Structures are given as C-alpha cells and as structure tokens.
C-alpha cells in the first residue's frame, strides 16, 4: 500500500514521464518526417506553392493584427464589467470558434451574392478569408484575455480603481495581459495557415490547399510531405520563440488561483456604448454569417434530406467527438499528474502545448496515412478504422485538455494530499475518492469542448476516415459544391444549432470547471 504523498513531491520520474507523453503525442509526425528526409532528394515544389505560401502568411498577419485589436479590449471589458446581455454575448461569440470555417465562408459568400456582383468581387480573395478567419480568431483572443484577466486578485483591481479610477484599471490590466494577448493573436494567425476551406471557397490559393491538392489530386505523397514540413517550419519559427519567452507569464495568468477573485462592476452610464460595441462585434462575427446561412432557406427548407444526412453521419460524428475527447482528456489528466506543483514544469509544458497545438493538422494525418500504407492487414483496426481518426485527433487536441487539467489541478489543495498521506490513505483510493471527483467537471468540460472542436475538423477526417464513415461537417464540405443551396443551408443550420447546444451545456457547468 503506497502513500499518496508522492503526488506532491518532486521526483526524477516526472521528467521521464513527460518525455514519454511528448513522444506519444508526436508519434504520428515522425514517420512523415523520416519519409520526407530519407525518401530521396529535394522535391520539385513547382511554381504554385511559394505564392500560395506568401498568400497564407499575408492572411495570417492581417488576421493576427485584427484579432488582437478587437479581442484585447473586448476581452478586458467582459472580464472586468457587467452589462446587459454579457452572458448571451459570450455564448454567441463562442459558436464560430467551435464551427468549421467553411460554414462561415459559405455564409459570407451567400451574403455577398445577395448584395450584387460588386460585393462578391469585394469579398472574393484575401478579404473574404480574413472575414471568415476573424470569426474564430477573435473569440480565441477574447477568451484567452478573459482567462488571464480574471486571474487578477480582487485587491489589485480595487487598488488600481482607488488610485486612478476605471482608466487606471483598464490601463494596468491591459499591460498585465498584453503579452498573453499578443501570443494568442500570433497563435490565431498561425491557425489560419493550416485551414484550406476559406481559400478554396473564395478562390485564394493557400499553402494548406496546396498540400491537399498534392496529396488528393496529384497523388504525390512525398511532395505533400515536404510542403507540410515547410508549413510546419514556418509555424515553429513564429511559435517556438514566443512559447519560450511567454510561457512563464501565460502559466501564471491562466493557471493561477487567487485568494479572492476580482468582482465585476456595472459600466453604469457607459452601458449603451459597451452594448453597442459588443453588438457590432457580434454582428460581424456571428449575426451576418448566420443571416447568410438563412438566405437560401427563403425558397424552402430541405429538412427531409438534411435530417437523412444527419441520421447517416450522426453515429460517426458522435463517435469521433467522444473518442477524441476521451483520448485527449486521459492524456491531459496524465500530464497534470506528471507535472504536479512544479511551476517551471508547468511553464515548460504550457509552452510545449502551444507549439504542438499550432502544428498543421495535416502533419499528423499524413504521417498516419504513410504508416498505414505499410501496416499489415491485421492492424486495420488500429491504422485504417474510425479508431484511427479518434486517436489522431485526440493526440492533436491533447494540449487543450492538458491546459484545462493543469488549471483544475492547480485548484487542488496540497493539504488534502498531506492529510491523506498522514492518515495512510493509499494512492488508488485517494485518486478515486478525491482527485478524480475534483477534476471530473473540468475533464467533462474538456471532453465536450474538444469533442465539438474535433467535429469541426474536416481535414483529419477527410484524410483518415474509412470509406462511407464520414462526419456531418465532412458531408457538408463534400456536397456544398453540387447540392442545392437549401440543402447545404439546412445542414449548416443543423450544425450551428448543435454548436449552440454544446456551448449552452458548457456554460451550465460549474464555474470552477469552465476552461
């Protein structure tokens, strides 16, 4: 019977365990890298990839700047103040973050089509891609700024308010979260590099679409591997230095637990201005695209065919979501136990999570495809099945579960472990009776959140799903070019309704469990 005190003590095994977890999470990547590096000479990229790479970088820069300019002030306001419709605003602005980007591309294309050829020409290209990506990147920056701001102690906020009023509160809070907001904006821009959807719909060649073209259309696997590696190197060139420099501050802001949290106050006479500003943000990010999805339904709602498609793909969509969330939550819990109370290890793991999550999704998927081509038939259940999709996406989304698990672990009092060790409580009983029940709400919220993010992922499912086992977003992505507008709009609205339901469920979880 082992004592549970080892959960709190520093030990050499923690570093070894974290190294094993890191190798496990990155396992799908190594076959692709080895195949690209040792499979022959330098490939011929062609004349289309480098202009597409330049287009992707330009879009990423514009999106990062806009996400920072909008997400930072809005995140500060919703974290520090109460105003009418605040909770509804937070719920509505989160939905685009959890939906496939091509849904909003379809919506903006419909809006521009109704406004005329001039609007269509205006939206097509780089501007349309930026509008679509803003719907997901602005909420990302907003929520990270929100999480960093609420980690401020209530005494600090009150001291700033006494010293200089609300102007001082906003100024000092803005300085406090500026580095974190900048890192979130850079990550938001980097996420656009690996998303081919908006570029394909708006006719803008991007690096992500070139990777899919090389693999799916040209059947040049090695060229796709090299293109994916170039995209990965570009991502790491931006993320790695920022993760090293800002991980410590981000860990102290995201994972901190203060004795007395800040207390939000009413904005008072500025309430109409705040509500109007939030309404404009919500109009651009959610209401206008939703209106674009509703426009094709004026000619009739194709609910019968849409419901048939939902019934056909529903079991696979649910399996991919639950399986991905379970794999990621299990890895997050293991990582939190291995890190323990070591603040330096928390910063290192958080930096690694940021770097891993910023990698292109096609990197791991192509690595698994390369491994599956040489795997024996008796491994089909692992390399060529729906379980393959769950494992790959679970490994890719495990950084999110790790951050949520670390945040929940930091709220677990060390005195509980010491008291249990003093009374001779064994490790298994302590984990089952104390640790798991304490972290269960956070892990459940992580499973729901990651499940919806995994459902919104089209690229991995497109590359890995067995024949006839597609998900609902993949079905929409597949039929959107040839199916009637009413059917595509009905399917999109079904997905948005599902996203709204999951967001509402997350909002009803205990406050301490929310990511």
Protein backbone atom coordinates (compact mmCIF):
# COMPACT_ATOMS: atom_id res chain seq x y z
CA UNK A 1 0.00 0.00 0.00
CA UNK A 2 1.79 3.15 -1.25
CA UNK A 3 1.31 6.56 0.30
CA UNK A 4 -0.21 9.26 -1.89
CA UNK A 5 2.34 11.87 -0.83
CA UNK A 6 4.35 11.13 -3.99
CA UNK A 7 1.76 13.14 -5.91
CA UNK A 8 3.15 16.31 -4.29
CA UNK A 9 6.85 15.56 -4.08
CA UNK A 10 9.32 16.46 -6.85
CA UNK A 11 10.97 13.43 -8.42
CA UNK A 12 13.06 12.43 -11.43
CA UNK A 13 10.30 10.21 -12.79
CA UNK A 14 8.18 13.26 -13.67
CA UNK A 15 10.60 14.41 -16.38
CA UNK A 16 10.82 10.91 -17.85
CA UNK A 17 7.06 10.52 -17.84
CA UNK A 18 6.57 13.89 -19.55
CA UNK A 19 9.15 12.92 -22.20
CA UNK A 20 7.24 9.68 -22.86
CA UNK A 21 3.96 11.60 -23.16
CA UNK A 22 5.58 14.08 -25.56
CA UNK A 23 6.85 11.26 -27.77
CA UNK A 24 3.40 9.66 -27.69
CA UNK A 25 1.62 12.86 -28.71
CA UNK A 26 4.08 13.50 -31.56
CA UNK A 27 4.24 9.84 -32.69
CA UNK A 28 2.19 10.38 -35.89
CA UNK A 29 4.62 13.08 -37.06
CA UNK A 30 7.86 11.11 -37.08
CA UNK A 31 7.06 8.66 -39.92
CA UNK A 32 6.22 11.59 -42.19
CA UNK A 33 9.43 13.42 -41.33
CA UNK A 34 11.56 10.32 -41.87
CA UNK A 35 9.84 9.57 -45.17
CA UNK A 36 10.37 13.13 -46.41
CA UNK A 37 14.01 13.40 -45.30
CA UNK A 38 15.28 9.95 -46.25
CA UNK A 39 12.97 9.04 -49.12
CA UNK A 40 15.05 10.76 -51.84
CA UNK A 41 16.38 14.12 -52.92
CA UNK A 42 14.86 17.58 -52.73
CA UNK A 43 11.43 17.56 -54.42
CA UNK A 44 10.22 19.96 -57.08
CA UNK A 45 7.71 22.26 -55.36
CA UNK A 46 6.50 23.87 -58.56
CA UNK A 47 5.61 27.48 -59.17
CA UNK A 48 2.31 27.50 -57.28
CA UNK A 49 3.38 26.60 -53.75
CA UNK A 50 5.56 29.59 -52.88
CA UNK A 51 2.99 32.23 -53.99
CA UNK A 52 0.39 30.25 -52.05
CA UNK A 53 2.70 30.29 -49.02
CA UNK A 54 3.04 34.07 -49.35
CA UNK A 55 -0.75 34.43 -49.53
CA UNK A 56 -1.13 32.33 -46.38
CA UNK A 57 1.42 34.41 -44.47
CA UNK A 58 -0.26 37.67 -45.52
CA UNK A 59 -3.66 36.41 -44.38
CA UNK A 60 -2.15 35.20 -41.09
CA UNK A 61 -0.59 38.61 -40.39
CA UNK A 62 -3.79 40.54 -41.14
CA UNK A 63 -5.88 38.15 -39.05
CA UNK A 64 -3.46 38.31 -36.11
CA UNK A 65 -3.49 42.12 -36.08
CA UNK A 66 -7.28 42.31 -36.31
CA UNK A 67 -7.79 39.62 -33.67
CA UNK A 68 -5.51 41.49 -31.26
CA UNK A 69 -7.11 44.88 -31.98
CA UNK A 70 -10.63 43.53 -31.33
CA UNK A 71 -10.11 40.66 -28.89
CA UNK A 72 -7.93 42.50 -26.36
CA UNK A 73 -10.28 45.42 -25.49
CA UNK A 74 -13.44 43.31 -25.70
CA UNK A 75 -11.89 40.59 -23.53
CA UNK A 76 -10.90 43.16 -20.90
CA UNK A 77 -14.37 44.69 -20.82
CA UNK A 78 -16.29 41.42 -20.50
CA UNK A 79 -13.90 40.22 -17.77
CA UNK A 80 -13.97 43.39 -15.67
CA UNK A 81 -17.53 44.71 -16.05
CA UNK A 82 -21.16 43.67 -16.02
CA UNK A 83 -23.50 44.97 -18.72
CA UNK A 84 -26.85 43.87 -20.22
CA UNK A 85 -26.53 40.83 -22.46
CA UNK A 86 -22.99 39.97 -21.35
CA UNK A 87 -23.61 36.24 -20.90
CA UNK A 88 -25.53 35.98 -24.18
CA UNK A 89 -22.72 37.81 -25.97
CA UNK A 90 -20.09 35.40 -24.62
CA UNK A 91 -22.15 32.37 -25.63
CA UNK A 92 -22.93 33.67 -29.13
CA UNK A 93 -19.40 34.82 -29.91
CA UNK A 94 -18.03 31.40 -28.95
CA UNK A 95 -20.08 29.47 -31.53
CA UNK A 96 -17.92 30.49 -34.56
CA UNK A 97 -14.85 29.29 -32.68
CA UNK A 98 -16.37 25.79 -32.48
CA UNK A 99 -17.70 25.52 -36.04
CA UNK A 100 -15.90 24.66 -39.30
CA UNK A 101 -14.54 27.75 -41.01
CA UNK A 102 -16.06 26.79 -44.36
CA UNK A 103 -19.56 27.26 -42.86
CA UNK A 104 -18.87 30.96 -42.41
CA UNK A 105 -17.22 31.09 -45.85
CA UNK A 106 -20.45 29.72 -47.34
CA UNK A 107 -22.42 32.28 -45.31
CA UNK A 108 -20.34 35.29 -46.36
CA UNK A 109 -20.44 34.11 -49.97
CA UNK A 110 -24.26 33.98 -49.76
CA UNK A 111 -24.42 37.48 -48.24
CA UNK A 112 -22.16 38.90 -50.94
CA UNK A 113 -24.17 37.14 -53.65
CA UNK A 114 -27.38 38.79 -52.47
CA UNK A 115 -25.73 42.24 -52.39
CA UNK A 116 -24.58 42.06 -56.01
CA UNK A 117 -21.50 41.45 -58.17
CA UNK A 118 -19.57 44.33 -56.63
CA UNK A 119 -19.89 42.84 -53.15
CA UNK A 120 -18.94 39.40 -54.49
CA UNK A 121 -15.79 40.78 -56.11
CA UNK A 122 -15.03 42.67 -52.91
CA UNK A 123 -15.33 39.59 -50.70
CA UNK A 124 -13.62 37.10 -53.00
CA UNK A 125 -9.94 36.68 -52.30
CA UNK A 126 -7.98 37.84 -49.30
CA UNK A 127 -10.69 39.98 -47.70
CA UNK A 128 -13.17 37.12 -47.59
CA UNK A 129 -10.59 34.83 -45.99
CA UNK A 130 -9.84 37.44 -43.33
CA UNK A 131 -13.55 37.92 -42.56
CA UNK A 132 -14.05 34.19 -42.14
CA UNK A 133 -10.97 33.64 -40.02
CA UNK A 134 -11.87 36.58 -37.78
CA UNK A 135 -14.99 34.72 -36.70
CA UNK A 136 -12.81 32.12 -34.96
CA UNK A 137 -9.62 34.03 -34.12
CA UNK A 138 -11.25 36.99 -32.36
CA UNK A 139 -13.11 34.71 -29.89
CA UNK A 140 -9.85 32.83 -29.27
CA UNK A 141 -8.01 36.01 -28.28
CA UNK A 142 -11.06 37.24 -26.35
CA UNK A 143 -11.28 34.09 -24.22
CA UNK A 144 -7.54 33.94 -23.50
CA UNK A 145 -7.58 37.62 -22.45
CA UNK A 146 -10.67 36.89 -20.36
CA UNK A 147 -8.97 33.95 -18.60
CA UNK A 148 -5.82 36.00 -17.96
CA UNK A 149 -7.77 38.99 -16.64
CA UNK A 150 -9.91 37.07 -14.15
CA UNK A 151 -6.71 35.66 -12.62
CA UNK A 152 -6.06 39.14 -11.20
CA UNK A 153 -6.60 39.40 -7.47
CA UNK A 154 -9.57 41.46 -6.42
CA UNK A 155 -7.33 43.53 -4.14
CA UNK A 156 -5.11 44.51 -7.10
CA UNK A 157 -8.08 45.68 -9.15
CA UNK A 158 -9.55 47.63 -6.24
CA UNK A 159 -6.19 49.30 -5.53
CA UNK A 160 -5.91 50.43 -9.16
CA UNK A 161 -9.51 51.68 -9.06
CA UNK A 162 -8.81 53.73 -5.94
CA UNK A 163 -5.62 55.15 -7.42
CA UNK A 164 -6.93 56.26 -10.80
CA UNK A 165 -10.47 55.07 -11.42
CA UNK A 166 -11.55 52.84 -14.28
CA UNK A 167 -8.97 54.34 -16.64
CA UNK A 168 -6.20 53.05 -14.36
CA UNK A 169 -7.88 49.63 -14.09
CA UNK A 170 -8.04 49.27 -17.86
CA UNK A 171 -4.51 50.58 -18.35
CA UNK A 172 -2.86 48.29 -15.79
CA UNK A 173 -4.99 45.28 -16.69
CA UNK A 174 -4.15 45.84 -20.35
CA UNK A 175 -0.44 45.87 -19.55
CA UNK A 176 -0.86 42.73 -17.48
CA UNK A 177 -2.45 40.72 -20.30
CA UNK A 178 -0.66 42.39 -23.25
CA UNK A 179 1.98 39.67 -23.70
CA UNK A 180 -0.61 36.91 -23.36
CA UNK A 181 -2.92 38.66 -25.83
CA UNK A 182 -0.08 39.09 -28.31
CA UNK A 183 0.79 35.40 -28.06
CA UNK A 184 -2.86 34.46 -28.53
CA UNK A 185 -3.09 36.71 -31.60
CA UNK A 186 0.01 35.14 -33.13
CA UNK A 187 -1.41 31.68 -32.49
CA UNK A 188 -4.71 32.78 -34.02
CA UNK A 189 -2.89 33.90 -37.15
CA UNK A 190 -0.89 30.67 -37.30
CA UNK A 191 -4.04 28.56 -37.11
CA UNK A 192 -5.14 30.09 -40.40
CA UNK A 193 -2.09 28.66 -42.16
CA UNK A 194 -3.38 25.09 -41.93
CA UNK A 195 -7.04 25.74 -42.88
CA UNK A 196 -7.76 25.25 -46.60
CA UNK A 197 -11.53 25.85 -46.50
CA UNK A 198 -11.95 29.65 -46.92
CA UNK A 199 -9.21 29.89 -49.52
CA UNK A 200 -10.86 27.25 -51.68
CA UNK A 201 -14.28 28.89 -51.46
CA UNK A 202 -13.04 32.45 -52.11
CA UNK A 203 -10.55 31.49 -54.81
CA UNK A 204 -7.40 32.36 -52.88
CA UNK A 205 -4.59 29.83 -53.21
CA UNK A 206 -3.10 28.98 -49.81
CA UNK A 207 -0.39 26.63 -48.60
CA UNK A 208 -2.91 24.35 -46.87
CA UNK A 209 -4.91 23.90 -50.09
CA UNK A 210 -1.70 23.13 -51.99
CA UNK A 211 -0.92 20.33 -49.51
CA UNK A 212 -4.36 18.80 -50.05
CA UNK A 213 -4.02 19.19 -53.82
CA UNK A 214 -0.65 17.43 -53.84
CA UNK A 215 -1.99 14.53 -51.79
CA UNK A 216 -5.59 14.14 -53.00
CA UNK A 217 -5.40 15.27 -56.63
CA UNK A 218 -1.81 14.76 -57.78
CA UNK A 219 -1.26 11.68 -55.58
CA UNK A 220 2.26 12.94 -54.90
CA UNK A 221 2.63 11.86 -51.31
CA UNK A 222 6.25 12.92 -50.91
CA UNK A 223 5.59 16.41 -52.30
CA UNK A 224 2.69 16.79 -49.85
CA UNK A 225 5.01 15.68 -47.04
CA UNK A 226 7.63 18.27 -47.94
CA UNK A 227 5.03 21.03 -48.33
CA UNK A 228 3.62 20.13 -44.93
CA UNK A 229 7.11 20.24 -43.41
CA UNK A 230 7.78 23.68 -44.90
CA UNK A 231 4.49 24.89 -43.44
CA UNK A 232 5.44 23.36 -40.09
CA UNK A 233 8.84 25.07 -40.06
CA UNK A 234 7.15 28.40 -40.78
CA UNK A 235 4.76 27.80 -37.87
CA UNK A 236 7.52 26.80 -35.45
CA UNK A 237 9.64 29.80 -36.48
CA UNK A 238 6.90 32.04 -35.06
CA UNK A 239 5.59 29.93 -32.20
CA UNK A 240 8.75 28.46 -30.63
CA UNK A 241 10.38 31.79 -29.59
CA UNK A 242 7.06 33.14 -28.32
CA UNK A 243 6.31 29.95 -26.40
CA UNK A 244 9.73 30.07 -24.74
CA UNK A 245 9.51 33.76 -23.83
CA UNK A 246 5.87 33.98 -22.81
CA UNK A 247 5.07 30.53 -21.39
CA UNK A 248 6.01 31.53 -17.85
CA UNK A 249 3.76 34.58 -17.78
CA UNK A 250 0.98 32.70 -19.53
CA UNK A 251 1.19 29.92 -16.93
CA UNK A 252 0.97 32.40 -14.06
CA UNK A 253 -2.07 34.09 -15.61
CA UNK A 254 -4.01 31.11 -16.93
CA UNK A 255 -3.24 28.60 -14.16
CA UNK A 256 -3.19 30.94 -11.16
CA UNK A 257 -5.69 30.74 -8.30
CA UNK A 258 -6.08 33.86 -6.18
CA UNK A 259 -7.42 34.03 -2.63
CA UNK A 260 -10.16 36.48 -3.58
CA UNK A 261 -11.10 36.88 -7.26
CA UNK A 262 -11.99 40.22 -8.80
CA UNK A 263 -15.56 41.47 -8.58
CA UNK A 264 -17.11 42.80 -11.76
CA UNK A 265 -18.92 46.11 -11.51
CA UNK A 266 -21.53 47.70 -13.75
CA UNK A 267 -20.36 50.01 -16.52
CA UNK A 268 -23.02 52.50 -15.44
CA UNK A 269 -23.76 55.30 -17.87
CA UNK A 270 -21.40 53.78 -20.46
CA UNK A 271 -23.63 50.72 -20.76
CA UNK A 272 -25.23 51.78 -24.10
CA UNK A 273 -21.79 52.30 -25.68
CA UNK A 274 -20.47 48.96 -24.43
CA UNK A 275 -23.58 47.13 -25.60
CA UNK A 276 -23.37 48.85 -28.99
CA UNK A 277 -19.68 47.94 -29.40
CA UNK A 278 -20.32 44.31 -28.44
CA UNK A 279 -23.30 44.28 -30.80
CA UNK A 280 -21.10 45.43 -33.70
CA UNK A 281 -18.55 42.71 -32.93
CA UNK A 282 -21.30 40.11 -32.71
CA UNK A 283 -22.83 41.38 -35.96
CA UNK A 284 -19.61 40.87 -37.91
CA UNK A 285 -18.58 37.60 -36.29
CA UNK A 286 -21.90 35.78 -35.95
CA UNK A 287 -25.13 37.55 -36.94
CA UNK A 288 -24.15 38.49 -40.52
CA UNK A 289 -22.83 35.00 -41.36
CA UNK A 290 -25.89 33.43 -39.74
CA UNK A 291 -28.08 35.66 -41.91
CA UNK A 292 -26.13 34.38 -44.92
CA UNK A 293 -26.97 30.81 -43.93
CA UNK A 294 -30.65 31.71 -43.63
CA UNK A 295 -30.92 33.41 -47.04
CA UNK A 296 -31.05 30.21 -49.15
CA UNK A 297 -33.91 28.93 -46.96
CA UNK A 298 -36.34 31.50 -48.34
CA UNK A 299 -37.06 29.11 -51.18
CA UNK A 300 -37.86 26.28 -48.78
CA UNK A 301 -36.21 24.27 -46.06
CA UNK A 302 -34.92 20.88 -47.16
CA UNK A 303 -35.31 19.31 -43.74
CA UNK A 304 -36.09 15.81 -45.01
CA UNK A 305 -32.80 15.38 -46.88
CA UNK A 306 -30.89 17.27 -44.21
CA UNK A 307 -32.28 15.02 -41.50
CA UNK A 308 -31.41 11.97 -43.58
CA UNK A 309 -27.83 13.19 -43.85
CA UNK A 310 -27.73 13.83 -40.11
CA UNK A 311 -29.03 10.32 -39.40
CA UNK A 312 -26.47 8.81 -41.78
CA UNK A 313 -23.46 10.66 -40.39
CA UNK A 314 -24.66 11.18 -36.81
CA UNK A 315 -23.23 7.97 -35.27
CA UNK A 316 -19.82 8.55 -36.86
CA UNK A 317 -19.82 12.22 -35.82
CA UNK A 318 -20.68 11.30 -32.23
CA UNK A 319 -18.06 8.53 -32.16
CA UNK A 320 -15.33 10.83 -33.49
CA UNK A 321 -16.28 13.53 -30.97
CA UNK A 322 -16.50 11.29 -27.90
CA UNK A 323 -13.46 9.22 -28.85
CA UNK A 324 -11.32 12.28 -29.48
CA UNK A 325 -12.43 13.93 -26.24
CA UNK A 326 -11.78 10.77 -24.20
CA UNK A 327 -8.27 10.28 -25.60
CA UNK A 328 -7.38 13.95 -25.09
CA UNK A 329 -8.86 14.08 -21.55
CA UNK A 330 -6.95 10.96 -20.50
CA UNK A 331 -3.68 12.40 -21.80
CA UNK A 332 -4.41 15.74 -20.11
CA UNK A 333 -5.02 14.07 -16.75
CA UNK A 334 -1.77 12.07 -17.04
CA UNK A 335 0.14 15.24 -17.93
CA UNK A 336 -1.30 17.13 -14.94
CA UNK A 337 -0.29 14.31 -12.57
CA UNK A 338 3.23 14.21 -14.04
CA UNK A 339 3.70 17.99 -13.78
CA UNK A 340 2.47 18.27 -10.19
CA UNK A 341 3.19 21.54 -8.37
CA UNK A 342 6.42 22.44 -10.18
CA UNK A 343 5.89 25.95 -11.59
CA UNK A 344 8.81 25.62 -14.01
CA UNK A 345 7.44 22.36 -15.36
CA UNK A 346 4.03 24.00 -15.75
CA UNK A 347 5.58 26.76 -17.87
CA UNK A 348 7.54 24.27 -19.99
CA UNK A 349 4.52 22.03 -20.56
CA UNK A 350 2.34 25.02 -21.39
CA UNK A 351 4.89 26.23 -23.95
CA UNK A 352 5.05 22.76 -25.47
CA UNK A 353 1.25 22.67 -25.64
CA UNK A 354 1.18 25.97 -27.52
CA UNK A 355 3.78 24.75 -30.01
CA UNK A 356 2.10 21.37 -30.52
CA UNK A 357 -1.38 22.79 -30.99
CA UNK A 358 -0.08 25.27 -33.57
CA UNK A 359 1.23 22.48 -35.82
CA UNK A 360 -0.75 21.89 -39.04
CA UNK A 361 -3.39 19.17 -38.60
CA UNK A 362 -2.37 17.56 -41.89
CA UNK A 363 1.08 16.81 -40.46
CA UNK A 364 -0.09 14.06 -38.13
CA UNK A 365 -2.80 12.84 -40.50
CA UNK A 366 -0.36 12.40 -43.38
CA UNK A 367 2.04 10.64 -41.02
CA UNK A 368 -0.63 8.12 -40.07
CA UNK A 369 -1.56 7.63 -43.72
CA UNK A 370 2.08 6.93 -44.53
CA UNK A 371 2.29 4.41 -41.68
CA UNK A 372 -1.00 2.74 -42.69
CA UNK A 373 0.22 2.12 -46.24
CA UNK A 374 2.93 -0.21 -44.92
CA UNK A 375 1.00 -1.69 -41.99
CA UNK A 376 -0.11 -5.36 -42.21
CA UNK A 377 -3.81 -6.13 -42.72
CA UNK A 378 -4.24 -7.43 -39.19
CA UNK A 379 -3.59 -3.87 -37.94
CA UNK A 380 -6.50 -2.41 -39.90
CA UNK A 381 -8.48 -1.94 -36.66
CA UNK A 382 -5.79 0.49 -35.49
CA UNK A 383 -4.42 2.06 -38.69
CA UNK A 384 -7.43 2.13 -41.03
CA UNK A 385 -10.55 2.45 -38.89
CA UNK A 386 -12.67 5.02 -37.12
CA UNK A 387 -10.49 4.46 -34.06
CA UNK A 388 -7.59 5.83 -36.09
CA UNK A 389 -9.44 9.11 -36.53
CA UNK A 390 -10.20 9.32 -32.78
CA UNK A 391 -6.60 8.58 -31.78
CA UNK A 392 -5.04 11.06 -34.22
CA UNK A 393 -7.38 13.90 -33.31
CA UNK A 394 -7.15 13.02 -29.60
CA UNK A 395 -3.38 13.34 -29.76
CA UNK A 396 -3.66 16.64 -31.62
CA UNK A 397 -6.20 18.17 -29.23
CA UNK A 398 -4.48 16.84 -26.09
CA UNK A 399 -2.75 20.24 -25.48
CA UNK A 400 -6.18 21.80 -24.80
CA UNK A 401 -7.08 19.06 -22.34
CA UNK A 402 -3.67 19.42 -20.70
CA UNK A 403 -4.16 23.15 -20.10
CA UNK A 404 -7.65 22.55 -18.64
CA UNK A 405 -6.34 19.70 -16.47
CA UNK A 406 -3.43 21.83 -15.21
CA UNK A 407 -5.83 24.61 -14.32
CA UNK A 408 -8.03 22.16 -12.38
CA UNK A 409 -5.01 20.53 -10.69
CA UNK A 410 -3.78 23.92 -9.51
CA UNK A 411 -7.04 24.33 -7.56
CA UNK A 412 -6.49 21.00 -5.79
CA UNK A 413 -5.18 21.84 -2.33
CA UNK A 414 -1.89 20.20 -1.40
CA UNK A 415 -3.08 19.95 2.20
CA UNK A 416 -5.63 17.36 1.08
CA UNK A 417 -2.83 15.11 -0.12
CA UNK A 418 -0.80 15.69 3.02
CA UNK A 419 -3.77 14.87 5.24
CA UNK A 420 -4.50 11.72 3.25
CA UNK A 421 -0.84 10.64 3.50
CA UNK A 422 -0.83 11.33 7.24
CA UNK A 423 -3.82 9.03 7.72
CA UNK A 424 -2.37 6.31 5.49
CA UNK A 425 -4.78 6.62 2.59
CA UNK A 426 -3.44 4.58 -0.36
CA UNK A 427 -2.83 6.21 -3.72
CA UNK A 428 -5.57 4.38 -5.60
CA UNK A 429 -8.20 5.26 -3.02
CA UNK A 430 -7.10 8.90 -2.88
CA UNK A 431 -7.20 9.20 -6.67
CA UNK A 432 -10.64 7.56 -6.84
CA UNK A 433 -12.21 9.43 -3.90
CA UNK A 434 -10.60 12.88 -4.12
CA UNK A 435 -8.59 13.66 -7.27
CA UNK A 436 -10.90 12.24 -9.94
CA UNK A 437 -14.15 13.67 -8.42
CA UNK A 438 -12.46 17.07 -8.05
CA UNK A 439 -11.21 17.12 -11.66
CA UNK A 440 -14.19 15.36 -13.21
CA UNK A 441 -16.19 18.54 -14.02
CA UNK A 442 -13.15 20.11 -15.73
CA UNK A 443 -12.38 16.91 -17.64
CA UNK A 444 -16.03 16.60 -18.68
CA UNK A 445 -15.97 20.20 -19.93
CA UNK A 446 -12.73 19.42 -21.80
CA UNK A 447 -14.33 16.36 -23.38
CA UNK A 448 -17.32 18.40 -24.57
CA UNK A 449 -15.19 21.27 -25.85
CA UNK A 450 -12.67 19.05 -27.62
CA UNK A 451 -15.45 16.88 -28.99
CA UNK A 452 -17.02 19.86 -30.71
CA UNK A 453 -13.64 21.13 -31.94
CA UNK A 454 -12.94 17.67 -33.33
CA UNK A 455 -16.34 17.62 -35.01
CA UNK A 456 -15.47 20.90 -36.72
CA UNK A 457 -12.22 19.43 -38.05
CA UNK A 458 -12.63 18.42 -41.68
CA UNK A 459 -9.02 17.88 -42.77
CA UNK A 460 -8.15 14.97 -40.47
CA UNK A 461 -11.44 13.16 -41.07
CA UNK A 462 -11.07 13.70 -44.83
CA UNK A 463 -7.64 12.05 -44.85
CA UNK A 464 -8.25 9.26 -42.33
CA UNK A 465 -11.90 8.20 -42.30
CA UNK A 466 -12.78 4.75 -43.67
CA UNK A 467 -14.96 4.68 -46.81
CA UNK A 468 -18.57 5.53 -46.01
CA UNK A 469 -17.77 6.66 -42.45
CA UNK A 470 -17.74 10.45 -42.87
CA UNK A 471 -18.82 13.02 -40.28
CA UNK A 472 -21.52 15.67 -40.67
CA UNK A 473 -19.12 18.58 -41.40
CA UNK A 474 -17.26 16.44 -43.93
CA UNK A 475 -20.57 15.59 -45.60
CA UNK A 476 -21.39 19.32 -45.83
CA UNK A 477 -17.91 20.04 -47.19
CA UNK A 478 -18.30 17.27 -49.77
CA UNK A 479 -21.73 18.24 -51.12
CA UNK A 480 -21.55 22.04 -50.85
CA UNK A 481 -20.34 22.47 -54.45
CA UNK A 482 -23.04 20.37 -56.14
CA UNK A 483 -26.01 20.13 -53.75
CA UNK A 484 -28.92 22.62 -53.77
CA UNK A 485 -28.41 25.73 -51.67
CA UNK A 486 -31.37 24.89 -49.47
CA UNK A 487 -29.86 21.52 -48.52
CA UNK A 488 -26.45 22.99 -47.74
CA UNK A 489 -28.03 25.79 -45.69
CA UNK A 490 -30.22 23.32 -43.78
CA UNK A 491 -27.20 21.16 -42.95
CA UNK A 492 -25.22 24.22 -41.83
CA UNK A 493 -28.04 25.40 -39.57
CA UNK A 494 -28.29 21.94 -38.01
CA UNK A 495 -24.61 22.11 -37.16
CA UNK A 496 -24.89 25.65 -35.76
CA UNK A 497 -27.80 24.51 -33.57
CA UNK A 498 -25.67 21.63 -32.32
CA UNK A 499 -22.81 24.02 -31.54
CA UNK A 500 -25.17 26.34 -29.65
CA UNK A 501 -26.44 23.40 -27.59
CA UNK A 502 -22.92 22.33 -26.64
CA UNK A 503 -21.95 25.90 -25.73
CA UNK A 504 -25.04 26.15 -23.53
CA UNK A 505 -24.11 22.87 -21.85
CA UNK A 506 -20.59 24.13 -21.21
CA UNK A 507 -21.98 27.36 -19.80
CA UNK A 508 -24.06 25.40 -17.29
CA UNK A 509 -21.04 23.52 -15.92
CA UNK A 510 -19.67 24.61 -12.52
CA UNK A 511 -17.71 27.85 -12.68
CA UNK A 512 -14.52 26.19 -11.46
CA UNK A 513 -14.70 23.63 -14.27
CA UNK A 514 -15.01 26.05 -17.15
CA UNK A 515 -11.91 26.19 -19.32
